[in-house]
């Protein structure tokens, strides 16, 4: 039986990942370490919190003693805990450096000391920067353009150094933009879906021409699971579905699916350092046998349907943000009013 530590398991991607693992394997014990910051919600784990193979530990990955104590009985680690929202990093980057860089260092040190069998570090395609044409390969140099992306790139370099210097069996995954259930309403797709459902404006940056590769979260979970079991230590794997769409195309899809008018779109000032296009060469992960199961249309349909049927989940979140005077993050051009 394997004992797996997942960090950030109350957030969007990794609550889905834990659910996926518990459904697929009956001989894995999973420990979820999450600090329950604004983006980590215990409600995301309600359907499996009583599973006998699951344990939740509230704590911060920067807590050396806690992380070392947990690592004593761990075979493998999937490190997903991170500060992820670019807009927040523009206003206050120190939290991103603390969690994404220092937190990763604490985790790597504990994994090294306790000789874990494998550690999967979850990074982002944003670490590469922007690309006008072609695709980013895993061998491309990192060229981050936001404090968030820079913090993730720094963490990637730390992970690489621990593999090279200490032979720590670490693997880096760089994923494209995920969509799906339980995504925080500060992100574009979830924000636009929930705003449209309430006939509120959809604040779209710039001209809406920024291009992203969209992947359904369960496709990403399958790829992470495959790398966990078959990936080669020291390697980097890009994970993307090849669903390149402009932000304006995504916005139109959401409005059309919900039968809402185009005049809900509100073009707002672009944010600083806004990357124009991300695109990944995913040959390596495909060589392991992975293929995305969901088309862009299927991924958005399922995502929209989930938010339609889980209004209490996101209404409570938006109300809490408003109470905590954090509602400005739902405006998407908050940086221009807060700098």
C-alpha atoms as a PDB file:
ATOM      1  CA  UNK A   1       0.000   0.000   0.000  1.00  0.00           C
ATOM      2  CA  UNK A   2       1.281   3.441  -0.881  1.00  0.00           C
ATOM      3  CA  UNK A   3       0.937   6.452   1.364  1.00  0.00           C
ATOM      4  CA  UNK A   4       0.652   9.623  -0.666  1.00  0.00           C
ATOM      5  CA  UNK A   5       0.954  13.227   0.507  1.00  0.00           C
ATOM      6  CA  UNK A   6      -0.986  15.746  -1.585  1.00  0.00           C
ATOM      7  CA  UNK A   7      -0.410  19.413  -0.787  1.00  0.00           C
ATOM      8  CA  UNK A   8      -3.136  21.934  -1.541  1.00  0.00           C
ATOM      9  CA  UNK A   9      -5.803  19.250  -1.664  1.00  0.00           C
ATOM     10  CA  UNK A  10      -8.668  21.550  -0.694  1.00  0.00           C
ATOM     11  CA  UNK A  11      -8.170  23.743  -3.754  1.00  0.00           C
ATOM     12  CA  UNK A  12      -9.598  23.360  -7.233  1.00  0.00           C
ATOM     13  CA  UNK A  13      -7.291  20.963  -9.048  1.00  0.00           C
ATOM     14  CA  UNK A  14      -6.175  18.844  -6.129  1.00  0.00           C
ATOM     15  CA  UNK A  15      -9.545  18.266  -4.500  1.00  0.00           C
ATOM     16  CA  UNK A  16     -10.475  16.840  -7.906  1.00  0.00           C
ATOM     17  CA  UNK A  17      -7.209  14.888  -7.962  1.00  0.00           C
ATOM     18  CA  UNK A  18      -7.765  13.313  -4.544  1.00  0.00           C
ATOM     19  CA  UNK A  19     -11.324  12.403  -5.522  1.00  0.00           C
ATOM     20  CA  UNK A  20      -9.972  10.836  -8.709  1.00  0.00           C
ATOM     21  CA  UNK A  21      -7.375   8.775  -6.800  1.00  0.00           C
ATOM     22  CA  UNK A  22      -9.833   7.545  -4.177  1.00  0.00           C
ATOM     23  CA  UNK A  23     -12.231   6.445  -6.909  1.00  0.00           C
ATOM     24  CA  UNK A  24      -9.503   4.662  -8.890  1.00  0.00           C
ATOM     25  CA  UNK A  25      -7.389   3.002  -6.186  1.00  0.00           C
ATOM     26  CA  UNK A  26      -8.501   1.105  -3.099  1.00  0.00           C
ATOM     27  CA  UNK A  27      -5.034   0.586  -1.619  1.00  0.00           C
ATOM     28  CA  UNK A  28      -3.735   4.154  -1.362  1.00  0.00           C
ATOM     29  CA  UNK A  29      -3.771   6.161   1.838  1.00  0.00           C
ATOM     30  CA  UNK A  30      -3.890   9.861   1.012  1.00  0.00           C
ATOM     31  CA  UNK A  31      -2.864  12.674   3.353  1.00  0.00           C
ATOM     32  CA  UNK A  32      -4.068  16.130   2.328  1.00  0.00           C
ATOM     33  CA  UNK A  33      -2.041  19.048   3.702  1.00  0.00           C
ATOM     34  CA  UNK A  34      -3.783  22.371   3.155  1.00  0.00           C
ATOM     35  CA  UNK A  35      -3.606  25.695   4.990  1.00  0.00           C
ATOM     36  CA  UNK A  36      -7.213  26.555   4.052  1.00  0.00           C
ATOM     37  CA  UNK A  37      -6.380  30.007   2.773  1.00  0.00           C
ATOM     38  CA  UNK A  38      -9.053  31.882   0.831  1.00  0.00           C
ATOM     39  CA  UNK A  39      -8.694  29.499  -2.156  1.00  0.00           C
ATOM     40  CA  UNK A  40      -8.716  26.250  -0.177  1.00  0.00           C
ATOM     41  CA  UNK A  41     -12.180  25.229   0.950  1.00  0.00           C
ATOM     42  CA  UNK A  42     -12.963  22.262   3.166  1.00  0.00           C
ATOM     43  CA  UNK A  43     -16.338  22.106   1.392  1.00  0.00           C
ATOM     44  CA  UNK A  44     -14.501  20.856  -1.697  1.00  0.00           C
ATOM     45  CA  UNK A  45     -13.731  17.594   0.114  1.00  0.00           C
ATOM     46  CA  UNK A  46     -17.059  16.926   1.834  1.00  0.00           C
ATOM     47  CA  UNK A  47     -17.939  13.932  -0.348  1.00  0.00           C
ATOM     48  CA  UNK A  48     -14.783  12.007   0.587  1.00  0.00           C
ATOM     49  CA  UNK A  49     -13.712  13.378   3.986  1.00  0.00           C
ATOM     50  CA  UNK A  50     -15.055  10.272   5.749  1.00  0.00           C
ATOM     51  CA  UNK A  51     -13.217   7.870   3.459  1.00  0.00           C
ATOM     52  CA  UNK A  52     -11.048   5.554   5.578  1.00  0.00           C
ATOM     53  CA  UNK A  53      -8.135   6.023   3.154  1.00  0.00           C
ATOM     54  CA  UNK A  54      -8.167   9.808   3.472  1.00  0.00           C
ATOM     55  CA  UNK A  55      -6.703  12.099   6.142  1.00  0.00           C
ATOM     56  CA  UNK A  56      -6.878  15.876   6.235  1.00  0.00           C
ATOM     57  CA  UNK A  57      -4.197  17.908   7.991  1.00  0.00           C
ATOM     58  CA  UNK A  58      -4.642  21.654   8.294  1.00  0.00           C
ATOM     59  CA  UNK A  59      -1.271  23.309   8.040  1.00  0.00           C
ATOM     60  CA  UNK A  60       1.144  25.362   5.997  1.00  0.00           C
ATOM     61  CA  UNK A  61       3.850  23.851   3.814  1.00  0.00           C
ATOM     62  CA  UNK A  62       6.252  26.445   5.245  1.00  0.00           C
ATOM     63  CA  UNK A  63       5.899  24.803   8.666  1.00  0.00           C
ATOM     64  CA  UNK A  64       9.128  22.768   8.810  1.00  0.00           C
ATOM     65  CA  UNK A  65       8.242  20.693  11.848  1.00  0.00           C
ATOM     66  CA  UNK A  66       4.801  19.772  10.555  1.00  0.00           C
ATOM     67  CA  UNK A  67       6.065  18.876   7.091  1.00  0.00           C
ATOM     68  CA  UNK A  68       8.927  16.800   8.503  1.00  0.00           C
ATOM     69  CA  UNK A  69       6.591  14.948  10.842  1.00  0.00           C
ATOM     70  CA  UNK A  70       4.191  14.153   8.006  1.00  0.00           C
ATOM     71  CA  UNK A  71       6.950  13.059   5.639  1.00  0.00           C
ATOM     72  CA  UNK A  72       8.162  10.286   7.959  1.00  0.00           C
ATOM     73  CA  UNK A  73       5.412   7.936   6.803  1.00  0.00           C
ATOM     74  CA  UNK A  74       5.050   9.114   3.184  1.00  0.00           C
ATOM     75  CA  UNK A  75       6.051   7.174   0.077  1.00  0.00           C
ATOM     76  CA  UNK A  76       5.255   9.754  -2.611  1.00  0.00           C
ATOM     77  CA  UNK A  77       4.370  13.447  -2.767  1.00  0.00           C
ATOM     78  CA  UNK A  78       2.242  15.408  -5.235  1.00  0.00           C
ATOM     79  CA  UNK A  79       2.993  19.046  -4.501  1.00  0.00           C
ATOM     80  CA  UNK A  80       0.101  21.197  -5.662  1.00  0.00           C
ATOM     81  CA  UNK A  81      -0.073  23.834  -2.916  1.00  0.00           C
ATOM     82  CA  UNK A  82       0.580  27.282  -4.349  1.00  0.00           C
ATOM     83  CA  UNK A  83      -0.573  30.850  -4.609  1.00  0.00           C
ATOM     84  CA  UNK A  84      -1.821  30.968  -8.196  1.00  0.00           C
ATOM     85  CA  UNK A  85      -3.767  34.104  -9.094  1.00  0.00           C
ATOM     86  CA  UNK A  86      -1.693  36.465 -11.241  1.00  0.00           C
ATOM     87  CA  UNK A  87      -3.692  39.578 -10.300  1.00  0.00           C
ATOM     88  CA  UNK A  88      -3.024  39.024  -6.616  1.00  0.00           C
ATOM     89  CA  UNK A  89       0.689  38.570  -7.303  1.00  0.00           C
ATOM     90  CA  UNK A  90       0.809  41.970  -8.993  1.00  0.00           C
ATOM     91  CA  UNK A  91      -0.508  43.658  -5.862  1.00  0.00           C
ATOM     92  CA  UNK A  92       1.278  41.561  -3.233  1.00  0.00           C
ATOM     93  CA  UNK A  93       4.038  39.256  -4.448  1.00  0.00           C
ATOM     94  CA  UNK A  94       5.548  38.370  -1.058  1.00  0.00           C
ATOM     95  CA  UNK A  95       2.868  35.751  -0.327  1.00  0.00           C
ATOM     96  CA  UNK A  96       3.712  34.064  -3.634  1.00  0.00           C
ATOM     97  CA  UNK A  97       7.412  33.939  -2.843  1.00  0.00           C
ATOM     98  CA  UNK A  98       6.737  32.598   0.633  1.00  0.00           C
ATOM     99  CA  UNK A  99       4.398  29.793  -0.413  1.00  0.00           C
ATOM    100  CA  UNK A 100       5.654  28.922  -3.881  1.00  0.00           C
ATOM    101  CA  UNK A 101       9.405  29.195  -3.244  1.00  0.00           C
ATOM    102  CA  UNK A 102      10.047  28.814   0.492  1.00  0.00           C
ATOM    103  CA  UNK A 103       7.220  26.310   0.895  1.00  0.00           C
ATOM    104  CA  UNK A 104       8.604  24.213  -1.950  1.00  0.00           C
ATOM    105  CA  UNK A 105      12.063  24.319  -0.361  1.00  0.00           C
ATOM    106  CA  UNK A 106      10.687  23.087   2.966  1.00  0.00           C
ATOM    107  CA  UNK A 107       8.930  20.238   1.176  1.00  0.00           C
ATOM    108  CA  UNK A 108      12.014  19.279  -0.835  1.00  0.00           C
ATOM    109  CA  UNK A 109      14.216  19.220   2.271  1.00  0.00           C
ATOM    110  CA  UNK A 110      11.788  16.988   4.141  1.00  0.00           C
ATOM    111  CA  UNK A 111      11.459  14.676   1.129  1.00  0.00           C
ATOM    112  CA  UNK A 112      15.254  14.467   0.886  1.00  0.00           C
ATOM    113  CA  UNK A 113      15.757  13.708   4.573  1.00  0.00           C
ATOM    114  CA  UNK A 114      13.069  11.037   4.638  1.00  0.00           C
ATOM    115  CA  UNK A 115      14.002   9.559   1.258  1.00  0.00           C
ATOM    116  CA  UNK A 116      10.597   9.626  -0.377  1.00  0.00           C
ATOM    117  CA  UNK A 117      10.294   7.396  -3.421  1.00  0.00           C
ATOM    118  CA  UNK A 118       8.974  10.131  -5.696  1.00  0.00           C
ATOM    119  CA  UNK A 119       7.895  13.772  -5.599  1.00  0.00           C
ATOM    120  CA  UNK A 120       5.789  15.386  -8.322  1.00  0.00           C
ATOM    121  CA  UNK A 121       6.042  19.166  -8.427  1.00  0.00           C
ATOM    122  CA  UNK A 122       3.132  20.905 -10.139  1.00  0.00           C
ATOM    123  CA  UNK A 123       4.182  23.958 -12.096  1.00  0.00           C
ATOM    124  CA  UNK A 124       2.558  26.001 -14.865  1.00  0.00           C
ATOM    125  CA  UNK A 125       2.928  26.837 -18.543  1.00  0.00           C
ATOM    126  CA  UNK A 126       3.192  30.482 -17.436  1.00  0.00           C
ATOM    127  CA  UNK A 127       6.789  29.819 -16.355  1.00  0.00           C
ATOM    128  CA  UNK A 128       7.781  29.778 -20.035  1.00  0.00           C
ATOM    129  CA  UNK A 129       6.392  33.237 -20.692  1.00  0.00           C
ATOM    130  CA  UNK A 130       4.550  34.136 -23.888  1.00  0.00           C
ATOM    131  CA  UNK A 131       5.063  32.637 -27.344  1.00  0.00           C
ATOM    132  CA  UNK A 132       3.798  34.180 -30.587  1.00  0.00           C
ATOM    133  CA  UNK A 133       4.139  31.084 -32.770  1.00  0.00           C
ATOM    134  CA  UNK A 134       4.929  27.432 -32.262  1.00  0.00           C
ATOM    135  CA  UNK A 135       4.895  25.423 -29.028  1.00  0.00           C
ATOM    136  CA  UNK A 136       6.909  25.438 -25.823  1.00  0.00           C
ATOM    137  CA  UNK A 137       8.957  22.285 -25.295  1.00  0.00           C
ATOM    138  CA  UNK A 138      10.152  21.187 -21.869  1.00  0.00           C
ATOM    139  CA  UNK A 139      13.675  22.222 -22.896  1.00  0.00           C
ATOM    140  CA  UNK A 140      12.719  25.846 -23.571  1.00  0.00           C
ATOM    141  CA  UNK A 141      14.254  28.403 -21.176  1.00  0.00           C
ATOM    142  CA  UNK A 142      11.982  29.884 -18.547  1.00  0.00           C
ATOM    143  CA  UNK A 143      10.971  33.508 -19.108  1.00  0.00           C
ATOM    144  CA  UNK A 144       8.217  34.400 -16.615  1.00  0.00           C
ATOM    145  CA  UNK A 145       6.453  37.739 -16.958  1.00  0.00           C
ATOM    146  CA  UNK A 146       4.492  38.041 -13.706  1.00  0.00           C
ATOM    147  CA  UNK A 147       5.491  37.703 -10.046  1.00  0.00           C
ATOM    148  CA  UNK A 148       3.327  34.569  -9.872  1.00  0.00           C
ATOM    149  CA  UNK A 149       5.028  32.964 -12.869  1.00  0.00           C
ATOM    150  CA  UNK A 150       8.449  34.012 -11.553  1.00  0.00           C
ATOM    151  CA  UNK A 151       7.748  32.342  -8.204  1.00  0.00           C
ATOM    152  CA  UNK A 152       6.770  29.111  -9.957  1.00  0.00           C
ATOM    153  CA  UNK A 153       9.839  29.248 -12.201  1.00  0.00           C
ATOM    154  CA  UNK A 154      12.029  29.719  -9.128  1.00  0.00           C
ATOM    155  CA  UNK A 155      10.415  26.686  -7.505  1.00  0.00           C
ATOM    156  CA  UNK A 156      11.033  24.659 -10.668  1.00  0.00           C
ATOM    157  CA  UNK A 157      14.727  25.510 -10.508  1.00  0.00           C
ATOM    158  CA  UNK A 158      14.858  24.446  -6.871  1.00  0.00           C
ATOM    159  CA  UNK A 159      13.272  21.111  -7.744  1.00  0.00           C
ATOM    160  CA  UNK A 160      15.763  20.598 -10.569  1.00  0.00           C
ATOM    161  CA  UNK A 161      18.665  21.384  -8.244  1.00  0.00           C
ATOM    162  CA  UNK A 162      17.488  18.808  -5.692  1.00  0.00           C
ATOM    163  CA  UNK A 163      17.354  16.151  -8.384  1.00  0.00           C
ATOM    164  CA  UNK A 164      20.835  17.024  -9.658  1.00  0.00           C
ATOM    165  CA  UNK A 165      22.538  17.636  -6.309  1.00  0.00           C
ATOM    166  CA  UNK A 166      20.813  15.149  -4.014  1.00  0.00           C
ATOM    167  CA  UNK A 167      19.374  12.605  -6.482  1.00  0.00           C
ATOM    168  CA  UNK A 168      15.934  13.379  -5.137  1.00  0.00           C
ATOM    169  CA  UNK A 169      13.511  11.504  -7.457  1.00  0.00           C
ATOM    170  CA  UNK A 170      11.593  14.622  -8.457  1.00  0.00           C
ATOM    171  CA  UNK A 171       9.507  15.298 -11.564  1.00  0.00           C
ATOM    172  CA  UNK A 172       8.092  18.617 -12.762  1.00  0.00           C
ATOM    173  CA  UNK A 173       4.717  18.963 -14.460  1.00  0.00           C
ATOM    174  CA  UNK A 174       3.747  22.134 -16.322  1.00  0.00           C
ATOM    175  CA  UNK A 175       0.010  22.237 -16.982  1.00  0.00           C
ATOM    176  CA  UNK A 176      -2.087  24.567 -19.091  1.00  0.00           C
ATOM    177  CA  UNK A 177      -5.264  26.374 -17.959  1.00  0.00           C
ATOM    178  CA  UNK A 178      -7.684  24.039 -16.186  1.00  0.00           C
ATOM    179  CA  UNK A 179     -11.468  24.292 -16.085  1.00  0.00           C
ATOM    180  CA  UNK A 180     -13.951  22.225 -14.113  1.00  0.00           C
ATOM    181  CA  UNK A 181     -15.806  21.863 -10.798  1.00  0.00           C
ATOM    182  CA  UNK A 182     -14.729  23.683  -7.619  1.00  0.00           C
ATOM    183  CA  UNK A 183     -12.640  26.380  -9.313  1.00  0.00           C
ATOM    184  CA  UNK A 184     -12.435  29.618  -7.318  1.00  0.00           C
ATOM    185  CA  UNK A 185     -14.533  32.447  -8.729  1.00  0.00           C
ATOM    186  CA  UNK A 186     -11.534  34.731  -9.174  1.00  0.00           C
ATOM    187  CA  UNK A 187     -10.486  32.743 -12.261  1.00  0.00           C
ATOM    188  CA  UNK A 188     -11.803  33.866 -15.642  1.00  0.00           C
ATOM    189  CA  UNK A 189     -14.021  30.937 -16.613  1.00  0.00           C
ATOM    190  CA  UNK A 190     -15.646  30.436 -13.209  1.00  0.00           C
ATOM    191  CA  UNK A 191     -16.030  34.195 -12.723  1.00  0.00           C
ATOM    192  CA  UNK A 192     -17.627  34.667 -16.126  1.00  0.00           C
ATOM    193  CA  UNK A 193     -19.987  31.709 -15.701  1.00  0.00           C
ATOM    194  CA  UNK A 194     -21.207  32.857 -12.289  1.00  0.00           C
ATOM    195  CA  UNK A 195     -21.454  36.509 -13.333  1.00  0.00           C
ATOM    196  CA  UNK A 196     -23.442  35.551 -16.425  1.00  0.00           C
ATOM    197  CA  UNK A 197     -25.799  33.433 -14.325  1.00  0.00           C
ATOM    198  CA  UNK A 198     -26.522  36.569 -12.281  1.00  0.00           C
ATOM    199  CA  UNK A 199     -26.633  38.890 -15.321  1.00  0.00           C
ATOM    200  CA  UNK A 200     -23.576  40.730 -14.054  1.00  0.00           C
ATOM    201  CA  UNK A 201     -20.874  42.192 -16.351  1.00  0.00           C
ATOM    202  CA  UNK A 202     -18.052  39.968 -17.592  1.00  0.00           C
ATOM    203  CA  UNK A 203     -14.899  42.130 -17.255  1.00  0.00           C
ATOM    204  CA  UNK A 204     -12.592  41.066 -20.090  1.00  0.00           C
ATOM    205  CA  UNK A 205      -8.985  42.220 -20.170  1.00  0.00           C
ATOM    206  CA  UNK A 206      -7.721  44.251 -23.128  1.00  0.00           C
ATOM    207  CA  UNK A 207      -9.126  43.196 -26.494  1.00  0.00           C
ATOM    208  CA  UNK A 208      -9.850  39.632 -25.346  1.00  0.00           C
ATOM    209  CA  UNK A 209      -7.285  38.274 -27.808  1.00  0.00           C
ATOM    210  CA  UNK A 210      -5.033  36.517 -25.285  1.00  0.00           C
ATOM    211  CA  UNK A 211      -4.771  32.825 -26.157  1.00  0.00           C
ATOM    212  CA  UNK A 212      -4.750  29.933 -23.706  1.00  0.00           C
ATOM    213  CA  UNK A 213      -4.805  26.143 -24.028  1.00  0.00           C
ATOM    214  CA  UNK A 214      -7.788  24.899 -22.014  1.00  0.00           C
ATOM    215  CA  UNK A 215      -7.866  21.461 -20.394  1.00  0.00           C
ATOM    216  CA  UNK A 216     -10.591  19.794 -18.345  1.00  0.00           C
ATOM    217  CA  UNK A 217      -9.403  19.178 -14.809  1.00  0.00           C
ATOM    218  CA  UNK A 218     -10.023  15.408 -14.899  1.00  0.00           C
ATOM    219  CA  UNK A 219      -7.830  15.103 -17.991  1.00  0.00           C
ATOM    220  CA  UNK A 220      -5.104  16.859 -16.033  1.00  0.00           C
ATOM    221  CA  UNK A 221      -5.666  14.529 -13.065  1.00  0.00           C
ATOM    222  CA  UNK A 222      -5.214  11.491 -15.306  1.00  0.00           C
ATOM    223  CA  UNK A 223      -1.978  12.903 -16.675  1.00  0.00           C
ATOM    224  CA  UNK A 224      -0.614  13.644 -13.194  1.00  0.00           C
ATOM    225  CA  UNK A 225      -1.521  10.117 -12.107  1.00  0.00           C
ATOM    226  CA  UNK A 226       0.307   8.692 -15.131  1.00  0.00           C
ATOM    227  CA  UNK A 227       3.443  10.727 -14.411  1.00  0.00           C
ATOM    228  CA  UNK A 228       3.269   9.681 -10.756  1.00  0.00           C
ATOM    229  CA  UNK A 229       3.461   6.031 -11.783  1.00  0.00           C
ATOM    230  CA  UNK A 230       5.411   6.052 -15.049  1.00  0.00           C
ATOM    231  CA  UNK A 231       7.245   9.369 -15.270  1.00  0.00           C
ATOM    232  CA  UNK A 232      11.034   9.450 -15.188  1.00  0.00           C
ATOM    233  CA  UNK A 233      12.728  11.240 -12.275  1.00  0.00           C
ATOM    234  CA  UNK A 234      14.482  14.416 -13.336  1.00  0.00           C
ATOM    235  CA  UNK A 235      12.148  14.936 -16.286  1.00  0.00           C
ATOM    236  CA  UNK A 236       9.638  17.693 -17.039  1.00  0.00           C
ATOM    237  CA  UNK A 237       6.257  16.956 -18.618  1.00  0.00           C
ATOM    238  CA  UNK A 238       4.002  19.483 -20.330  1.00  0.00           C
ATOM    239  CA  UNK A 239       0.285  18.781 -19.998  1.00  0.00           C
ATOM    240  CA  UNK A 240      -2.127  20.479 -22.369  1.00  0.00           C
ATOM    241  CA  UNK A 241      -5.125  19.480 -24.447  1.00  0.00           C
ATOM    242  CA  UNK A 242      -4.366  21.489 -27.593  1.00  0.00           C
ATOM    243  CA  UNK A 243      -7.534  23.552 -27.108  1.00  0.00           C
ATOM    244  CA  UNK A 244      -6.192  26.981 -28.014  1.00  0.00           C
ATOM    245  CA  UNK A 245      -8.880  29.658 -27.704  1.00  0.00           C
ATOM    246  CA  UNK A 246      -8.842  33.405 -27.238  1.00  0.00           C
ATOM    247  CA  UNK A 247     -10.376  34.720 -24.049  1.00  0.00           C
ATOM    248  CA  UNK A 248     -13.034  36.366 -26.214  1.00  0.00           C
ATOM    249  CA  UNK A 249     -13.925  33.031 -27.814  1.00  0.00           C
ATOM    250  CA  UNK A 250     -14.272  31.463 -24.366  1.00  0.00           C
ATOM    251  CA  UNK A 251     -16.455  34.362 -23.234  1.00  0.00           C
ATOM    252  CA  UNK A 252     -18.723  34.038 -26.268  1.00  0.00           C
ATOM    253  CA  UNK A 253     -19.065  30.282 -25.666  1.00  0.00           C
ATOM    254  CA  UNK A 254     -20.193  30.863 -22.078  1.00  0.00           C
ATOM    255  CA  UNK A 255     -22.722  33.529 -23.057  1.00  0.00           C
ATOM    256  CA  UNK A 256     -24.091  31.473 -25.952  1.00  0.00           C
ATOM    257  CA  UNK A 257     -24.432  28.363 -23.776  1.00  0.00           C
ATOM    258  CA  UNK A 258     -26.332  30.319 -21.118  1.00  0.00           C
ATOM    259  CA  UNK A 259     -28.403  32.316 -23.594  1.00  0.00           C
ATOM    260  CA  UNK A 260     -27.044  35.614 -22.319  1.00  0.00           C
ATOM    261  CA  UNK A 261     -26.467  38.772 -24.404  1.00  0.00           C
ATOM    262  CA  UNK A 262     -23.051  39.843 -25.666  1.00  0.00           C
ATOM    263  CA  UNK A 263     -23.498  43.258 -24.086  1.00  0.00           C
ATOM    264  CA  UNK A 264     -22.642  41.663 -20.730  1.00  0.00           C
ATOM    265  CA  UNK A 265     -19.017  41.796 -21.923  1.00  0.00           C
ATOM    266  CA  UNK A 266     -17.201  44.755 -20.382  1.00  0.00           C
ATOM    267  CA  UNK A 267     -13.748  45.380 -21.826  1.00  0.00           C
ATOM    268  CA  UNK A 268     -11.425  46.626 -19.073  1.00  0.00           C
ATOM    269  CA  UNK A 269      -7.842  47.863 -18.949  1.00  0.00           C
ATOM    270  CA  UNK A 270      -5.322  45.118 -19.600  1.00  0.00           C
ATOM    271  CA  UNK A 271      -3.150  44.046 -16.688  1.00  0.00           C
ATOM    272  CA  UNK A 272       0.627  44.620 -16.650  1.00  0.00           C
ATOM    273  CA  UNK A 273       2.773  41.882 -18.149  1.00  0.00           C
ATOM    274  CA  UNK A 274      -0.234  40.030 -19.588  1.00  0.00           C
ATOM    275  CA  UNK A 275       1.128  37.137 -21.677  1.00  0.00           C
ATOM    276  CA  UNK A 276      -0.436  37.008 -25.123  1.00  0.00           C
ATOM    277  CA  UNK A 277      -0.274  33.285 -25.840  1.00  0.00           C
ATOM    278  CA  UNK A 278       0.577  30.009 -24.119  1.00  0.00           C
ATOM    279  CA  UNK A 279       0.961  26.808 -26.126  1.00  0.00           C
ATOM    280  CA  UNK A 280       2.610  23.536 -25.122  1.00  0.00           C
ATOM    281  CA  UNK A 281       4.282  20.700 -26.977  1.00  0.00           C
ATOM    282  CA  UNK A 282       2.900  17.649 -25.146  1.00  0.00           C
ATOM    283  CA  UNK A 283       4.750  14.958 -27.073  1.00  0.00           C
ATOM    284  CA  UNK A 284       6.439  13.535 -23.953  1.00  0.00           C
ATOM    285  CA  UNK A 285       3.248  12.941 -21.975  1.00  0.00           C
ATOM    286  CA  UNK A 286       1.562  11.506 -25.058  1.00  0.00           C
ATOM    287  CA  UNK A 287       4.456   9.074 -25.466  1.00  0.00           C
ATOM    288  CA  UNK A 288       3.493   7.704 -22.043  1.00  0.00           C
ATOM    289  CA  UNK A 289       0.047   6.928 -23.486  1.00  0.00           C
ATOM    290  CA  UNK A 290      -1.964   9.908 -22.247  1.00  0.00           C
ATOM    291  CA  UNK A 291      -4.617  11.585 -24.383  1.00  0.00           C
ATOM    292  CA  UNK A 292      -7.229  14.136 -23.263  1.00  0.00           C
ATOM    293  CA  UNK A 293     -10.725  12.665 -23.105  1.00  0.00           C
ATOM    294  CA  UNK A 294     -12.630  15.941 -23.336  1.00  0.00           C
ATOM    295  CA  UNK A 295     -12.852  18.410 -26.183  1.00  0.00           C
ATOM    296  CA  UNK A 296     -12.938  22.123 -25.405  1.00  0.00           C
ATOM    297  CA  UNK A 297     -16.704  22.158 -25.943  1.00  0.00           C
ATOM    298  CA  UNK A 298     -17.254  19.166 -23.664  1.00  0.00           C
ATOM    299  CA  UNK A 299     -15.012  20.649 -20.965  1.00  0.00           C
ATOM    300  CA  UNK A 300     -16.870  23.969 -20.967  1.00  0.00           C
ATOM    301  CA  UNK A 301     -20.281  22.280 -21.121  1.00  0.00           C
ATOM    302  CA  UNK A 302     -19.494  20.156 -18.070  1.00  0.00           C
ATOM    303  CA  UNK A 303     -18.015  23.128 -16.213  1.00  0.00           C
ATOM    304  CA  UNK A 304     -20.990  25.379 -16.925  1.00  0.00           C
ATOM    305  CA  UNK A 305     -23.379  22.613 -15.912  1.00  0.00           C
ATOM    306  CA  UNK A 306     -21.599  22.158 -12.584  1.00  0.00           C
ATOM    307  CA  UNK A 307     -21.858  25.854 -11.693  1.00  0.00           C
ATOM    308  CA  UNK A 308     -25.507  25.877 -12.713  1.00  0.00           C
ATOM    309  CA  UNK A 309     -26.259  23.020 -10.322  1.00  0.00           C
ATOM    310  CA  UNK A 310     -24.029  24.215  -7.460  1.00  0.00           C
ATOM    311  CA  UNK A 311     -25.202  27.782  -6.936  1.00  0.00           C
ATOM    312  CA  UNK A 312     -24.942  27.538  -3.160  1.00  0.00           C
ATOM    313  CA  UNK A 313     -21.238  26.684  -3.434  1.00  0.00           C
ATOM    314  CA  UNK A 314     -20.250  29.766  -5.426  1.00  0.00           C
ATOM    315  CA  UNK A 315     -22.821  32.161  -3.945  1.00  0.00           C
ATOM    316  CA  UNK A 316     -21.409  31.501  -0.472  1.00  0.00           C
ATOM    317  CA  UNK A 317     -17.907  32.082  -1.825  1.00  0.00           C
ATOM    318  CA  UNK A 318     -18.779  35.399  -3.439  1.00  0.00           C
ATOM    319  CA  UNK A 319     -20.660  36.556  -0.346  1.00  0.00           C
ATOM    320  CA  UNK A 320     -17.662  35.698   1.829  1.00  0.00           C
ATOM    321  CA  UNK A 321     -15.320  37.608  -0.448  1.00  0.00           C
ATOM    322  CA  UNK A 322     -17.586  40.643  -0.262  1.00  0.00           C
ATOM    323  CA  UNK A 323     -17.733  40.449   3.553  1.00  0.00           C
ATOM    324  CA  UNK A 324     -13.955  40.229   3.771  1.00  0.00           C
ATOM    325  CA  UNK A 325     -13.600  43.269   1.524  1.00  0.00           C
ATOM    326  CA  UNK A 326     -11.991  41.036  -1.071  1.00  0.00           C
ATOM    327  CA  UNK A 327     -14.753  41.437  -3.606  1.00  0.00           C
ATOM    328  CA  UNK A 328     -12.574  43.702  -5.705  1.00  0.00           C
ATOM    329  CA  UNK A 329     -10.844  40.569  -6.940  1.00  0.00           C
ATOM    330  CA  UNK A 330     -14.028  39.692  -8.783  1.00  0.00           C
ATOM    331  CA  UNK A 331     -13.625  42.781 -10.961  1.00  0.00           C
ATOM    332  CA  UNK A 332     -10.504  41.506 -12.778  1.00  0.00           C
ATOM    333  CA  UNK A 333      -9.032  44.990 -13.269  1.00  0.00           C
ATOM    334  CA  UNK A 334      -8.422  45.359  -9.553  1.00  0.00           C
ATOM    335  CA  UNK A 335      -4.694  45.925 -10.014  1.00  0.00           C
ATOM    336  CA  UNK A 336      -5.316  49.259 -11.743  1.00  0.00           C
ATOM    337  CA  UNK A 337      -7.233  50.532  -8.723  1.00  0.00           C
ATOM    338  CA  UNK A 338      -4.945  49.095  -6.081  1.00  0.00           C
ATOM    339  CA  UNK A 339      -1.433  49.961  -7.248  1.00  0.00           C
END
